[in-house]
Amino acid sequence: MALGIQPVAVSSYPKGFPSYLSSLKSVQSLGSRSRTSFEALYHANPTIVIGLERMIAPYYQRYAEITPTYGFDLITLEDSLRAVEVGAAALGKPVQGKQINQCFLQTLEDMHHKVTTHQKGKPLTGMFLTSAGVTPRAYYSDFMAVSLMEALGIEAANGASPYSAKTPFSGQVGLEWLIKLDPDVIFMYKTANPQFTDSKVWKNLRAVKNQRVYSVDMTWREAEGPYSRLWVAMDIANKTYPELFPEPTLERVEEALCLTH
C-alpha cells in the first residue's frame, strides 16, 4: 500500500485492521493468516505473495505452486528495513522502497532531535509490557516497538535480550525486579485484566504514580510495516511528549514517508 499498490487479497488481521489500514476492509479475505484459504488465494490470482516467514514457511510449497512467494522474518528494525527494500524490489519498485526507508529513518532522526532539544536532565526510561498473568513480560530492546522507543531517546529499562538469537523477544520480569528498574514510562499491551496491576509493588512504580502507564493496541506487537512502524513511533512520541508531538494520523504518516501517490 505504501507503494501505491492495493492487494487483491489479504489475511485477516487479529482484532481487525488498524485505522491506517482501513482500506483493506474492502479487500477479499483469505481467512486467518495461520489458516490461509489456498482456494481463495488461487482464485484471487495474485502475481506475488508477501507475508510473515513463520506463517508461510510450513506451507511454502503450496504458496509457491500458486505464485512467487516471499516470507519475511519481522522482529527487529533491521528486519523491517530489509523487508521494505526487498519487498519493494519484488514488486518492481526498488527506488520507492529505498526512499520509504530513507524518509522513515530521517523522520525518526528529526523526532529524536526534537526530544533531546526539549529534554532536560537524563533520558527517560521505558518498558513495553504484556501478560494477563501474575508476572508481567517485558520486550527486549531489539523488539521493533522497543527499538522505536529507543530511537526517540527513551532507554529500554530492561535492556537487550540475553539470548544470541532474536527469539524469545520478551521475558518475564518479576515485580521485585520491576521496582528496581522503576521505568519513567510504561507501555502495556491490552490484555485480559493483568493480575500484577493489583499488587502494591505495581502501585508504587514511578510510572504508575505519575500516571504514565499507557495502553497500546495490537499495532505495537507487529510494528514492522512501512505505515505501522512510523505510526507506532508517532504514538510513542505523542504519549510521552504530548506537548511536542500530535497524535498520529494517516496523513501525517504518509507525509513523513514522502508518499505522493
C-alpha atoms as a PDB file:
ATOM      1  CA  MET A   1       0.000   0.000   0.000  1.00  0.00           C
ATOM      2  CA  ALA A   2       2.853   2.394   0.768  1.00  0.00           C
ATOM      3  CA  LEU A   3       3.993   1.734  -2.809  1.00  0.00           C
ATOM      4  CA  GLY A   4       0.580   2.666  -4.185  1.00  0.00           C
ATOM      5  CA  ILE A   5      -0.382  -0.969  -4.822  1.00  0.00           C
ATOM      6  CA  GLN A   6      -3.640  -2.324  -3.404  1.00  0.00           C
ATOM      7  CA  PRO A   7      -3.524  -6.087  -2.688  1.00  0.00           C
ATOM      8  CA  VAL A   8      -6.070  -8.350  -4.397  1.00  0.00           C
ATOM      9  CA  ALA A   9      -6.476 -10.425  -1.219  1.00  0.00           C
ATOM     10  CA  VAL A  10      -5.263 -10.285   2.372  1.00  0.00           C
ATOM     11  CA  SER A  11      -5.261 -12.410   5.518  1.00  0.00           C
ATOM     12  CA  SER A  12      -7.491 -11.197   8.341  1.00  0.00           C
ATOM     13  CA  TYR A  13      -5.766  -9.050  10.955  1.00  0.00           C
ATOM     14  CA  PRO A  14      -6.002 -10.004  14.657  1.00  0.00           C
ATOM     15  CA  LYS A  15      -8.780  -7.901  16.238  1.00  0.00           C
ATOM     16  CA  GLY A  16      -9.411  -6.074  12.968  1.00  0.00           C
ATOM     17  CA  PHE A  17      -7.381  -3.751  10.767  1.00  0.00           C
ATOM     18  CA  PRO A  18      -5.937  -0.600  12.390  1.00  0.00           C
ATOM     19  CA  SER A  19      -7.326   2.723  11.191  1.00  0.00           C
ATOM     20  CA  TYR A  20      -4.410   3.421   8.853  1.00  0.00           C
ATOM     21  CA  LEU A  21      -5.138   0.136   7.012  1.00  0.00           C
ATOM     22  CA  SER A  22      -8.904   0.635   6.867  1.00  0.00           C
ATOM     23  CA  SER A  23      -8.887   0.446   3.054  1.00  0.00           C
ATOM     24  CA  LEU A  24      -8.085  -3.269   3.413  1.00  0.00           C
ATOM     25  CA  LYS A  25     -11.551  -3.911   4.845  1.00  0.00           C
ATOM     26  CA  SER A  26     -12.941  -3.999   1.313  1.00  0.00           C
ATOM     27  CA  VAL A  27     -10.258  -6.396   0.020  1.00  0.00           C
ATOM     28  CA  GLN A  28     -11.034 -10.100  -0.386  1.00  0.00           C
ATOM     29  CA  SER A  29     -10.191 -12.047   2.783  1.00  0.00           C
ATOM     30  CA  LEU A  30      -8.008 -15.164   2.823  1.00  0.00           C
ATOM     31  CA  GLY A  31      -9.132 -16.029   6.331  1.00  0.00           C
ATOM     32  CA  SER A  32      -6.830 -16.255   9.334  1.00  0.00           C
ATOM     33  CA  ARG A  33      -3.164 -15.886   8.442  1.00  0.00           C
ATOM     34  CA  SER A  34      -2.405 -19.112  10.308  1.00  0.00           C
ATOM     35  CA  ARG A  35      -5.045 -20.976   8.240  1.00  0.00           C
ATOM     36  CA  THR A  36      -4.894 -19.375   4.809  1.00  0.00           C
ATOM     37  CA  SER A  37      -7.570 -20.431   2.340  1.00  0.00           C
ATOM     38  CA  PHE A  38      -5.471 -21.605  -0.599  1.00  0.00           C
ATOM     39  CA  GLU A  39      -8.599 -21.912  -2.713  1.00  0.00           C
ATOM     40  CA  ALA A  40      -9.360 -18.217  -2.133  1.00  0.00           C
ATOM     41  CA  LEU A  41      -5.721 -17.345  -2.806  1.00  0.00           C
ATOM     42  CA  TYR A  42      -5.756 -19.274  -6.082  1.00  0.00           C
ATOM     43  CA  HIS A  43      -8.946 -17.578  -7.292  1.00  0.00           C
ATOM     44  CA  ALA A  44      -7.597 -14.140  -6.295  1.00  0.00           C
ATOM     45  CA  ASN A  45      -4.872 -14.775  -8.914  1.00  0.00           C
ATOM     46  CA  PRO A  46      -2.065 -12.688  -7.323  1.00  0.00           C
ATOM     47  CA  THR A  47       1.229 -12.171  -9.159  1.00  0.00           C
ATOM     48  CA  ILE A  48       3.145 -12.328  -5.877  1.00  0.00           C
ATOM     49  CA  VAL A  49       2.575 -13.252  -2.218  1.00  0.00           C
ATOM     50  CA  ILE A  50       4.305 -11.384   0.613  1.00  0.00           C
ATOM     51  CA  GLY A  51       3.887 -12.424   4.227  1.00  0.00           C
ATOM     52  CA  LEU A  52       5.396 -13.421   7.552  1.00  0.00           C
ATOM     53  CA  GLU A  53       8.038 -16.133   7.326  1.00  0.00           C
ATOM     54  CA  ARG A  54       6.674 -18.028  10.328  1.00  0.00           C
ATOM     55  CA  MET A  55       3.265 -18.269   8.679  1.00  0.00           C
ATOM     56  CA  ILE A  56       4.481 -19.056   5.175  1.00  0.00           C
ATOM     57  CA  ALA A  57       7.322 -21.497   5.891  1.00  0.00           C
ATOM     58  CA  PRO A  58       5.175 -24.532   6.876  1.00  0.00           C
ATOM     59  CA  TYR A  59       3.160 -24.238   3.645  1.00  0.00           C
ATOM     60  CA  TYR A  60       5.720 -22.630   1.342  1.00  0.00           C
ATOM     61  CA  GLN A  61       5.350 -25.245  -1.394  1.00  0.00           C
ATOM     62  CA  ARG A  62       1.594 -24.685  -1.597  1.00  0.00           C
ATOM     63  CA  TYR A  63       2.080 -20.912  -1.878  1.00  0.00           C
ATOM     64  CA  ALA A  64       4.848 -21.322  -4.457  1.00  0.00           C
ATOM     65  CA  GLU A  65       2.618 -23.524  -6.630  1.00  0.00           C
ATOM     66  CA  ILE A  66       0.243 -20.575  -6.955  1.00  0.00           C
ATOM     67  CA  THR A  67       2.683 -17.683  -7.383  1.00  0.00           C
ATOM     68  CA  PRO A  68       6.192 -16.468  -6.391  1.00  0.00           C
ATOM     69  CA  THR A  69       6.206 -16.102  -2.608  1.00  0.00           C
ATOM     70  CA  TYR A  70       8.305 -14.053  -0.178  1.00  0.00           C
ATOM     71  CA  GLY A  71       8.307 -14.590   3.573  1.00  0.00           C
ATOM     72  CA  PHE A  72       9.983 -12.147   5.944  1.00  0.00           C
ATOM     73  CA  ASP A  73      11.179 -12.675   9.498  1.00  0.00           C
ATOM     74  CA  LEU A  74       9.918  -9.499  11.193  1.00  0.00           C
ATOM     75  CA  ILE A  75      11.104  -8.787  14.724  1.00  0.00           C
ATOM     76  CA  THR A  76      13.787  -6.086  14.614  1.00  0.00           C
ATOM     77  CA  LEU A  77      14.289  -2.695  12.988  1.00  0.00           C
ATOM     78  CA  GLU A  78      16.826  -4.252  10.621  1.00  0.00           C
ATOM     79  CA  ASP A  79      14.246  -6.885   9.627  1.00  0.00           C
ATOM     80  CA  SER A  80      11.778  -4.127   8.827  1.00  0.00           C
ATOM     81  CA  LEU A  81      14.179  -2.124   6.673  1.00  0.00           C
ATOM     82  CA  ARG A  82      15.207  -5.229   4.732  1.00  0.00           C
ATOM     83  CA  ALA A  83      11.608  -6.364   4.191  1.00  0.00           C
ATOM     84  CA  VAL A  84      10.579  -2.988   2.790  1.00  0.00           C
ATOM     85  CA  GLU A  85      13.566  -2.845   0.437  1.00  0.00           C
ATOM     86  CA  VAL A  86      13.353  -6.462  -0.768  1.00  0.00           C
ATOM     87  CA  GLY A  87       9.560  -6.431  -0.933  1.00  0.00           C
ATOM     88  CA  ALA A  88       9.543  -3.211  -2.969  1.00  0.00           C
ATOM     89  CA  ALA A  89      12.103  -4.655  -5.377  1.00  0.00           C
ATOM     90  CA  ALA A  90       9.990  -7.798  -5.791  1.00  0.00           C
ATOM     91  CA  LEU A  91       7.014  -5.572  -6.641  1.00  0.00           C
ATOM     92  CA  GLY A  92       9.060  -3.732  -9.254  1.00  0.00           C
ATOM     93  CA  LYS A  93       9.560  -0.550  -7.226  1.00  0.00           C
ATOM     94  CA  PRO A  94      13.096  -0.737  -5.768  1.00  0.00           C
ATOM     95  CA  VAL A  95      13.702   3.021  -5.795  1.00  0.00           C
ATOM     96  CA  GLN A  96      10.475   3.750  -3.938  1.00  0.00           C
ATOM     97  CA  GLY A  97      11.279   1.104  -1.322  1.00  0.00           C
ATOM     98  CA  LYS A  98      14.648   2.666  -0.588  1.00  0.00           C
ATOM     99  CA  GLN A  99      13.074   6.124  -0.438  1.00  0.00           C
ATOM    100  CA  ILE A 100      10.438   4.957   2.063  1.00  0.00           C
ATOM    101  CA  ASN A 101      13.189   3.603   4.318  1.00  0.00           C
ATOM    102  CA  GLN A 102      15.247   6.781   3.988  1.00  0.00           C
ATOM    103  CA  CYS A 103      12.290   9.036   4.784  1.00  0.00           C
ATOM    104  CA  PHE A 104      11.355   6.853   7.752  1.00  0.00           C
ATOM    105  CA  LEU A 105      14.872   6.983   9.218  1.00  0.00           C
ATOM    106  CA  GLN A 106      15.106  10.734   8.628  1.00  0.00           C
ATOM    107  CA  THR A 107      11.770  11.273  10.383  1.00  0.00           C
ATOM    108  CA  LEU A 108      12.973   9.223  13.367  1.00  0.00           C
ATOM    109  CA  GLU A 109      16.150  11.291  13.497  1.00  0.00           C
ATOM    110  CA  ASP A 110      14.172  14.546  13.368  1.00  0.00           C
ATOM    111  CA  MET A 111      11.874  13.348  16.164  1.00  0.00           C
ATOM    112  CA  HIS A 112      14.856  12.291  18.281  1.00  0.00           C
ATOM    113  CA  HIS A 113      16.455  15.707  17.810  1.00  0.00           C
ATOM    114  CA  LYS A 114      13.232  17.406  18.898  1.00  0.00           C
ATOM    115  CA  VAL A 115      13.083  15.236  22.038  1.00  0.00           C
ATOM    116  CA  THR A 116      16.720  15.769  23.026  1.00  0.00           C
ATOM    117  CA  THR A 117      16.463  19.520  22.440  1.00  0.00           C
ATOM    118  CA  HIS A 118      13.412  19.684  24.709  1.00  0.00           C
ATOM    119  CA  GLN A 119      14.670  17.228  27.304  1.00  0.00           C
ATOM    120  CA  LYS A 120      16.374  18.401  30.476  1.00  0.00           C
ATOM    121  CA  GLY A 121      18.370  16.001  32.613  1.00  0.00           C
ATOM    122  CA  LYS A 122      18.963  12.344  31.845  1.00  0.00           C
ATOM    123  CA  PRO A 123      16.834  10.488  29.267  1.00  0.00           C
ATOM    124  CA  LEU A 124      13.573   8.850  30.248  1.00  0.00           C
ATOM    125  CA  THR A 125      13.457   5.095  30.707  1.00  0.00           C
ATOM    126  CA  GLY A 126      10.587   2.970  29.495  1.00  0.00           C
ATOM    127  CA  MET A 127       9.236  -0.566  29.201  1.00  0.00           C
ATOM    128  CA  PHE A 128       6.757  -2.356  26.961  1.00  0.00           C
ATOM    129  CA  LEU A 129       4.870  -4.958  28.991  1.00  0.00           C
ATOM    130  CA  THR A 130       2.386  -7.698  28.245  1.00  0.00           C
ATOM    131  CA  SER A 131       0.754 -10.660  30.044  1.00  0.00           C
ATOM    132  CA  ALA A 132      -2.535 -11.330  31.730  1.00  0.00           C
ATOM    133  CA  GLY A 133      -0.892 -13.397  34.449  1.00  0.00           C
ATOM    134  CA  VAL A 134       0.647 -12.722  37.837  1.00  0.00           C
ATOM    135  CA  THR A 135       4.064 -11.831  36.394  1.00  0.00           C
ATOM    136  CA  PRO A 136       4.483  -9.341  33.540  1.00  0.00           C
ATOM    137  CA  ARG A 137       6.620  -9.950  30.473  1.00  0.00           C
ATOM    138  CA  ALA A 138       8.808  -7.200  29.055  1.00  0.00           C
ATOM    139  CA  TYR A 139      10.021  -6.904  25.473  1.00  0.00           C
ATOM    140  CA  TYR A 140      13.766  -6.590  24.940  1.00  0.00           C
ATOM    141  CA  SER A 141      15.379  -3.642  23.178  1.00  0.00           C
ATOM    142  CA  ASP A 142      15.784  -5.441  19.836  1.00  0.00           C
ATOM    143  CA  PHE A 143      11.997  -5.888  19.532  1.00  0.00           C
ATOM    144  CA  MET A 144      10.676  -3.414  16.964  1.00  0.00           C
ATOM    145  CA  ALA A 145       8.401  -1.303  19.179  1.00  0.00           C
ATOM    146  CA  VAL A 146      11.125  -1.004  21.828  1.00  0.00           C
ATOM    147  CA  SER A 147      13.707  -0.126  19.162  1.00  0.00           C
ATOM    148  CA  LEU A 148      11.433   2.724  18.108  1.00  0.00           C
ATOM    149  CA  MET A 149      11.174   3.848  21.727  1.00  0.00           C
ATOM    150  CA  GLU A 150      14.971   3.935  21.998  1.00  0.00           C
ATOM    151  CA  ALA A 151      15.278   5.709  18.648  1.00  0.00           C
ATOM    152  CA  LEU A 152      13.273   8.539  20.225  1.00  0.00           C
ATOM    153  CA  GLY A 153      15.666   8.753  23.170  1.00  0.00           C
ATOM    154  CA  ILE A 154      13.741   6.645  25.701  1.00  0.00           C
ATOM    155  CA  GLU A 155      16.042   3.999  27.135  1.00  0.00           C
ATOM    156  CA  ALA A 156      14.713   0.442  27.459  1.00  0.00           C
ATOM    157  CA  ALA A 157      14.796  -0.175  31.217  1.00  0.00           C
ATOM    158  CA  ASN A 158      15.181  -3.939  30.854  1.00  0.00           C
ATOM    159  CA  GLY A 159      17.877  -3.649  28.175  1.00  0.00           C
ATOM    160  CA  ALA A 160      18.906  -6.027  25.424  1.00  0.00           C
ATOM    161  CA  SER A 161      17.984  -9.667  25.051  1.00  0.00           C
ATOM    162  CA  PRO A 162      20.282 -12.081  26.915  1.00  0.00           C
ATOM    163  CA  TYR A 163      19.922 -14.532  24.020  1.00  0.00           C
ATOM    164  CA  SER A 164      22.082 -14.718  20.907  1.00  0.00           C
ATOM    165  CA  ALA A 165      19.042 -15.490  18.738  1.00  0.00           C
ATOM    166  CA  LYS A 166      16.259 -12.992  18.027  1.00  0.00           C
ATOM    167  CA  THR A 167      13.754 -15.123  19.914  1.00  0.00           C
ATOM    168  CA  PRO A 168      12.426 -15.122  22.509  1.00  0.00           C
ATOM    169  CA  PHE A 169      11.993 -11.367  22.201  1.00  0.00           C
ATOM    170  CA  SER A 170      10.467 -10.931  25.662  1.00  0.00           C
ATOM    171  CA  GLY A 171      10.969 -12.354  29.117  1.00  0.00           C
ATOM    172  CA  GLN A 172       9.282 -12.417  32.493  1.00  0.00           C
ATOM    173  CA  VAL A 173      10.076  -9.547  34.839  1.00  0.00           C
ATOM    174  CA  GLY A 174       9.383 -10.273  38.491  1.00  0.00           C
ATOM    175  CA  LEU A 175       7.760  -7.456  40.427  1.00  0.00           C
ATOM    176  CA  GLU A 176      10.794  -7.225  42.721  1.00  0.00           C
ATOM    177  CA  TRP A 177      12.990  -6.613  39.688  1.00  0.00           C
ATOM    178  CA  LEU A 178      10.448  -4.284  38.125  1.00  0.00           C
ATOM    179  CA  ILE A 179      10.508  -1.979  41.152  1.00  0.00           C
ATOM    180  CA  LYS A 180      14.311  -1.847  40.904  1.00  0.00           C
ATOM    181  CA  LEU A 181      14.137  -0.868  37.243  1.00  0.00           C
ATOM    182  CA  ASP A 182      11.292   1.578  38.021  1.00  0.00           C
ATOM    183  CA  PRO A 183      10.841   2.993  34.492  1.00  0.00           C
ATOM    184  CA  ASP A 184       9.594   6.524  33.893  1.00  0.00           C
ATOM    185  CA  VAL A 185       7.002   5.362  31.365  1.00  0.00           C
ATOM    186  CA  ILE A 186       5.296   2.025  30.745  1.00  0.00           C
ATOM    187  CA  PHE A 187       3.532   0.975  27.568  1.00  0.00           C
ATOM    188  CA  MET A 188       1.273  -2.012  28.116  1.00  0.00           C
ATOM    189  CA  TYR A 189      -0.421  -4.171  25.529  1.00  0.00           C
ATOM    190  CA  LYS A 190      -4.158  -4.507  26.094  1.00  0.00           C
ATOM    191  CA  THR A 191      -4.783  -7.971  27.502  1.00  0.00           C
ATOM    192  CA  ALA A 192      -7.374  -9.532  29.771  1.00  0.00           C
ATOM    193  CA  ASN A 193      -7.053  -7.745  33.114  1.00  0.00           C
ATOM    194  CA  PRO A 194      -3.444  -8.474  34.176  1.00  0.00           C
ATOM    195  CA  GLN A 195      -3.263  -9.636  37.781  1.00  0.00           C
ATOM    196  CA  PHE A 196       0.025  -7.910  38.553  1.00  0.00           C
ATOM    197  CA  THR A 197      -1.582  -4.459  38.366  1.00  0.00           C
ATOM    198  CA  ASP A 198      -3.369  -5.184  41.653  1.00  0.00           C
ATOM    199  CA  SER A 199      -0.124  -5.590  43.615  1.00  0.00           C
ATOM    200  CA  LYS A 200       1.322  -2.986  45.986  1.00  0.00           C
ATOM    201  CA  VAL A 201       4.618  -3.125  44.101  1.00  0.00           C
ATOM    202  CA  TRP A 202       2.910  -2.122  40.874  1.00  0.00           C
ATOM    203  CA  LYS A 203       1.093   0.752  42.537  1.00  0.00           C
ATOM    204  CA  ASN A 204       4.412   2.075  43.879  1.00  0.00           C
ATOM    205  CA  LEU A 205       6.083   2.257  40.475  1.00  0.00           C
ATOM    206  CA  ARG A 206       7.077   5.747  39.381  1.00  0.00           C
ATOM    207  CA  ALA A 207       5.202   5.437  36.079  1.00  0.00           C
ATOM    208  CA  VAL A 208       2.030   4.325  37.857  1.00  0.00           C
ATOM    209  CA  LYS A 209       2.155   7.090  40.461  1.00  0.00           C
ATOM    210  CA  ASN A 210       2.821   9.683  37.750  1.00  0.00           C
ATOM    211  CA  GLN A 211       0.024   8.307  35.549  1.00  0.00           C
ATOM    212  CA  ARG A 212       2.452   7.450  32.770  1.00  0.00           C
ATOM    213  CA  VAL A 213       1.211   3.939  32.014  1.00  0.00           C
ATOM    214  CA  TYR A 214      -0.225   3.828  28.503  1.00  0.00           C
ATOM    215  CA  SER A 215      -2.401   1.109  26.977  1.00  0.00           C
ATOM    216  CA  VAL A 216      -1.488   0.228  23.400  1.00  0.00           C
ATOM    217  CA  ASP A 217      -3.093  -1.968  20.763  1.00  0.00           C
ATOM    218  CA  MET A 218      -2.083  -4.866  18.526  1.00  0.00           C
ATOM    219  CA  THR A 219      -0.259  -2.468  16.218  1.00  0.00           C
ATOM    220  CA  TRP A 220       2.591  -2.358  18.717  1.00  0.00           C
ATOM    221  CA  ARG A 221       3.045  -6.119  18.568  1.00  0.00           C
ATOM    222  CA  GLU A 222       3.714  -6.022  14.837  1.00  0.00           C
ATOM    223  CA  ALA A 223       5.156  -2.615  14.044  1.00  0.00           C
ATOM    224  CA  GLU A 224       7.431  -3.545  11.141  1.00  0.00           C
ATOM    225  CA  GLY A 225       5.417  -2.394   8.114  1.00  0.00           C
ATOM    226  CA  PRO A 226       6.104   0.981   6.448  1.00  0.00           C
ATOM    227  CA  TYR A 227       2.915   2.502   7.871  1.00  0.00           C
ATOM    228  CA  SER A 228       2.803   0.752  11.229  1.00  0.00           C
ATOM    229  CA  ARG A 229       6.399   1.436  12.292  1.00  0.00           C
ATOM    230  CA  LEU A 230       6.001   5.176  11.846  1.00  0.00           C
ATOM    231  CA  TRP A 231       2.513   5.146  13.343  1.00  0.00           C
ATOM    232  CA  VAL A 232       3.885   3.467  16.489  1.00  0.00           C
ATOM    233  CA  ALA A 233       6.843   5.870  16.647  1.00  0.00           C
ATOM    234  CA  MET A 234       4.440   8.822  16.454  1.00  0.00           C
ATOM    235  CA  ASP A 235       2.213   7.187  19.070  1.00  0.00           C
ATOM    236  CA  ILE A 236       5.172   6.753  21.436  1.00  0.00           C
ATOM    237  CA  ALA A 237       6.174  10.374  20.898  1.00  0.00           C
ATOM    238  CA  ASN A 238       2.644  11.706  21.449  1.00  0.00           C
ATOM    239  CA  LYS A 239       2.038   9.666  24.593  1.00  0.00           C
ATOM    240  CA  THR A 240       5.406  10.568  26.101  1.00  0.00           C
ATOM    241  CA  TYR A 241       5.706  14.167  24.914  1.00  0.00           C
ATOM    242  CA  PRO A 242       2.165  15.360  24.045  1.00  0.00           C
ATOM    243  CA  GLU A 243       3.338  18.953  24.221  1.00  0.00           C
ATOM    244  CA  LEU A 244       5.747  18.286  21.326  1.00  0.00           C
ATOM    245  CA  PHE A 245       4.009  15.753  19.110  1.00  0.00           C
ATOM    246  CA  PRO A 246       0.401  15.430  17.885  1.00  0.00           C
ATOM    247  CA  GLU A 247      -1.396  12.104  17.664  1.00  0.00           C
ATOM    248  CA  PRO A 248      -0.555  10.040  14.589  1.00  0.00           C
ATOM    249  CA  THR A 249      -2.827  10.232  11.570  1.00  0.00           C
ATOM    250  CA  LEU A 250      -2.607   8.541   8.190  1.00  0.00           C
ATOM    251  CA  GLU A 251      -1.959  11.925   6.573  1.00  0.00           C
ATOM    252  CA  ARG A 252       0.986  12.649   8.884  1.00  0.00           C
ATOM    253  CA  VAL A 253       2.440   9.196   8.321  1.00  0.00           C
ATOM    254  CA  GLU A 254       2.210   9.473   4.531  1.00  0.00           C
ATOM    255  CA  GLU A 255       3.704  12.952   4.558  1.00  0.00           C
ATOM    256  CA  ALA A 256       6.620  11.791   6.727  1.00  0.00           C
ATOM    257  CA  LEU A 257       7.229   8.838   4.392  1.00  0.00           C
ATOM    258  CA  CYS A 258       7.402  11.164   1.361  1.00  0.00           C
ATOM    259  CA  LEU A 259       4.431   9.387  -0.232  1.00  0.00           C
ATOM    260  CA  THR A 260       2.897  11.365  -3.066  1.00  0.00           C
ATOM    261  CA  HIS A 261       0.558   8.800  -4.646  1.00  0.00           C
END
